Amino acid sequence: MKEKITESQAEQMYDDMLDELQSIKIGTMSYPGSYVLKELDPIAYRCGFTEYLDYLAEDYDISDFY
């Protein structure tokens, strides 16, 4: 039986994955990749999150999201 996770847990996992990949540096300031993507292109963020949910569905029960 697959472990059930909430949508907020899945979103945190997605943010963590984005943040591990890259941080964005502007001048001397550095920002997490998930924050930058969410703020600058929320549509791309949601599309990526939807694709990430498909990936998570292999290992987790995300049936309550749909």
N, C-alpha and C. Protein backbone atom coordinates (compact mmCIF):
# COMPACT_ATOMS: atom_id res chain seq x y z
N MET A 1 0.84 -1.18 0.00
CA MET A 1 0.00 0.00 0.00
C MET A 1 0.89 1.25 0.00
N LYS A 2 0.53 2.21 -0.84
CA LYS A 2 1.31 3.44 -0.96
C LYS A 2 1.01 4.38 0.21
N GLU A 3 2.05 5.09 0.63
CA GLU A 3 1.91 6.09 1.68
C GLU A 3 1.10 7.26 1.13
N LYS A 4 0.16 7.74 1.92
CA LYS A 4 -0.67 8.87 1.52
C LYS A 4 0.02 10.16 1.96
N ILE A 5 0.05 11.15 1.06
CA ILE A 5 0.60 12.45 1.41
C ILE A 5 -0.43 13.52 1.03
N THR A 6 -0.32 14.67 1.69
CA THR A 6 -1.21 15.78 1.40
C THR A 6 -0.65 16.60 0.25
N GLU A 7 -1.49 17.44 -0.30
CA GLU A 7 -1.03 18.30 -1.38
C GLU A 7 0.04 19.27 -0.88
N SER A 8 -0.11 19.76 0.35
CA SER A 8 0.91 20.68 0.88
C SER A 8 2.24 19.96 1.10
N GLN A 9 2.20 18.69 1.48
CA GLN A 9 3.44 17.91 1.60
C GLN A 9 4.09 17.73 0.24
N ALA A 10 3.27 17.44 -0.76
CA ALA A 10 3.80 17.26 -2.12
C ALA A 10 4.40 18.56 -2.63
N GLU A 11 3.74 19.69 -2.35
CA GLU A 11 4.27 20.97 -2.80
C GLU A 11 5.59 21.29 -2.09
N GLN A 12 5.69 20.95 -0.81
CA GLN A 12 6.95 21.17 -0.10
C GLN A 12 8.05 20.29 -0.68
N MET A 13 7.72 19.07 -1.06
CA MET A 13 8.70 18.18 -1.69
C MET A 13 9.16 18.76 -3.03
N TYR A 14 8.21 19.33 -3.79
CA TYR A 14 8.54 19.95 -5.08
C TYR A 14 9.46 21.15 -4.87
N ASP A 15 9.10 22.00 -3.89
CA ASP A 15 9.94 23.16 -3.59
C ASP A 15 11.34 22.73 -3.17
N ASP A 16 11.43 21.71 -2.34
CA ASP A 16 12.74 21.21 -1.90
C ASP A 16 13.57 20.73 -3.09
N MET A 17 12.91 20.03 -4.02
CA MET A 17 13.61 19.54 -5.20
C MET A 17 14.12 20.71 -6.04
N LEU A 18 13.28 21.72 -6.25
CA LEU A 18 13.71 22.89 -7.02
C LEU A 18 14.86 23.61 -6.32
N ASP A 19 14.76 23.73 -5.01
CA ASP A 19 15.78 24.45 -4.25
C ASP A 19 17.12 23.73 -4.25
N GLU A 20 17.10 22.40 -4.30
CA GLU A 20 18.34 21.63 -4.38
C GLU A 20 19.02 21.81 -5.73
N LEU A 21 18.22 22.02 -6.76
CA LEU A 21 18.77 22.16 -8.11
C LEU A 21 19.52 23.47 -8.29
N GLN A 22 18.93 24.57 -7.77
CA GLN A 22 19.56 25.85 -8.05
C GLN A 22 19.00 26.93 -7.13
N SER A 23 19.88 27.83 -6.75
CA SER A 23 19.44 29.07 -6.13
C SER A 23 19.75 30.18 -7.12
N ILE A 24 18.98 31.25 -7.05
CA ILE A 24 19.13 32.34 -8.00
C ILE A 24 19.83 33.50 -7.29
N LYS A 25 20.91 33.95 -7.87
CA LYS A 25 21.68 35.03 -7.27
C LYS A 25 21.44 36.32 -8.07
N ILE A 26 21.06 37.36 -7.35
CA ILE A 26 20.88 38.68 -7.94
C ILE A 26 21.74 39.64 -7.11
N GLY A 27 22.78 40.11 -7.72
CA GLY A 27 23.74 40.93 -6.97
C GLY A 27 24.36 40.10 -5.87
N THR A 28 24.22 40.55 -4.65
CA THR A 28 24.77 39.81 -3.51
C THR A 28 23.71 38.97 -2.81
N MET A 29 22.48 39.02 -3.29
CA MET A 29 21.38 38.28 -2.66
C MET A 29 21.16 36.95 -3.39
N SER A 30 20.78 35.94 -2.63
CA SER A 30 20.51 34.63 -3.19
C SER A 30 19.10 34.20 -2.78
N TYR A 31 18.36 33.67 -3.73
CA TYR A 31 16.97 33.29 -3.49
C TYR A 31 16.76 31.83 -3.89
N PRO A 32 15.91 31.10 -3.15
CA PRO A 32 15.60 29.72 -3.52
C PRO A 32 14.91 29.67 -4.89
N GLY A 33 15.27 28.68 -5.68
CA GLY A 33 14.69 28.53 -7.01
C GLY A 33 13.17 28.43 -7.00
N SER A 34 12.62 27.73 -6.01
CA SER A 34 11.17 27.58 -5.94
C SER A 34 10.48 28.92 -5.73
N TYR A 35 11.05 29.77 -4.91
CA TYR A 35 10.47 31.09 -4.63
C TYR A 35 10.48 31.94 -5.90
N VAL A 36 11.60 31.94 -6.60
CA VAL A 36 11.73 32.75 -7.81
C VAL A 36 10.74 32.28 -8.87
N LEU A 37 10.66 30.98 -9.10
CA LEU A 37 9.75 30.47 -10.11
C LEU A 37 8.30 30.75 -9.73
N LYS A 38 7.95 30.54 -8.48
CA LYS A 38 6.57 30.77 -8.01
C LYS A 38 6.18 32.24 -8.17
N GLU A 39 7.09 33.15 -7.89
CA GLU A 39 6.78 34.58 -7.95
C GLU A 39 6.82 35.14 -9.37
N LEU A 40 7.80 34.70 -10.18
CA LEU A 40 7.97 35.28 -11.51
C LEU A 40 7.12 34.60 -12.59
N ASP A 41 6.86 33.31 -12.43
CA ASP A 41 6.08 32.59 -13.44
C ASP A 41 5.23 31.52 -12.76
N PRO A 42 4.15 31.96 -12.09
CA PRO A 42 3.33 31.00 -11.35
C PRO A 42 2.69 29.91 -12.23
N ILE A 43 2.47 30.22 -13.49
CA ILE A 43 1.90 29.21 -14.39
C ILE A 43 2.92 28.10 -14.64
N ALA A 44 4.16 28.48 -14.90
CA ALA A 44 5.22 27.47 -15.09
C ALA A 44 5.42 26.66 -13.82
N TYR A 45 5.33 27.33 -12.66
CA TYR A 45 5.46 26.64 -11.38
C TYR A 45 4.37 25.58 -11.25
N ARG A 46 3.11 25.93 -11.52
CA ARG A 46 2.00 24.98 -11.39
C ARG A 46 2.11 23.86 -12.41
N CYS A 47 2.54 24.17 -13.63
CA CYS A 47 2.72 23.12 -14.65
C CYS A 47 3.79 22.14 -14.20
N GLY A 48 4.89 22.64 -13.69
CA GLY A 48 5.96 21.78 -13.18
C GLY A 48 5.49 20.96 -12.00
N PHE A 49 4.70 21.57 -11.13
CA PHE A 49 4.18 20.86 -9.96
C PHE A 49 3.25 19.73 -10.40
N THR A 50 2.43 19.98 -11.40
CA THR A 50 1.53 18.95 -11.92
C THR A 50 2.33 17.77 -12.48
N GLU A 51 3.39 18.06 -13.20
CA GLU A 51 4.25 16.99 -13.72
C GLU A 51 4.93 16.24 -12.57
N TYR A 52 5.32 16.96 -11.54
CA TYR A 52 5.95 16.35 -10.37
C TYR A 52 4.95 15.41 -9.67
N LEU A 53 3.68 15.79 -9.64
CA LEU A 53 2.66 14.93 -9.04
C LEU A 53 2.56 13.60 -9.78
N ASP A 54 2.66 13.65 -11.10
CA ASP A 54 2.65 12.41 -11.89
C ASP A 54 3.81 11.51 -11.46
N TYR A 55 4.97 12.10 -11.23
CA TYR A 55 6.14 11.36 -10.77
C TYR A 55 5.89 10.78 -9.38
N LEU A 56 5.31 11.59 -8.48
CA LEU A 56 5.05 11.13 -7.11
C LEU A 56 4.01 10.01 -7.06
N ALA A 57 3.10 10.01 -8.02
CA ALA A 57 2.02 9.02 -8.02
C ALA A 57 2.55 7.59 -8.12
N GLU A 58 3.79 7.43 -8.59
CA GLU A 58 4.39 6.11 -8.67
C GLU A 58 4.66 5.54 -7.28
N ASP A 59 4.96 6.42 -6.31
CA ASP A 59 5.36 5.97 -4.98
C ASP A 59 4.40 6.36 -3.86
N TYR A 60 3.53 7.33 -4.11
CA TYR A 60 2.64 7.85 -3.06
C TYR A 60 1.19 7.84 -3.52
N ASP A 61 0.29 7.79 -2.55
CA ASP A 61 -1.13 7.91 -2.83
C ASP A 61 -1.48 9.39 -2.83
N ILE A 62 -1.78 9.92 -4.01
CA ILE A 62 -2.15 11.31 -4.15
C ILE A 62 -3.56 11.44 -4.72
N SER A 63 -4.37 10.43 -4.52
CA SER A 63 -5.70 10.37 -5.10
C SER A 63 -6.62 11.51 -4.66
N ASP A 64 -6.37 12.10 -3.50
CA ASP A 64 -7.22 13.19 -3.03
C ASP A 64 -6.97 14.50 -3.77
N PHE A 65 -5.93 14.59 -4.57
CA PHE A 65 -5.58 15.83 -5.27
C PHE A 65 -6.45 16.06 -6.49
N TYR A 66 -7.01 15.01 -7.05
CA TYR A 66 -7.72 15.14 -8.32
C TYR A 66 -9.20 15.09 -8.13
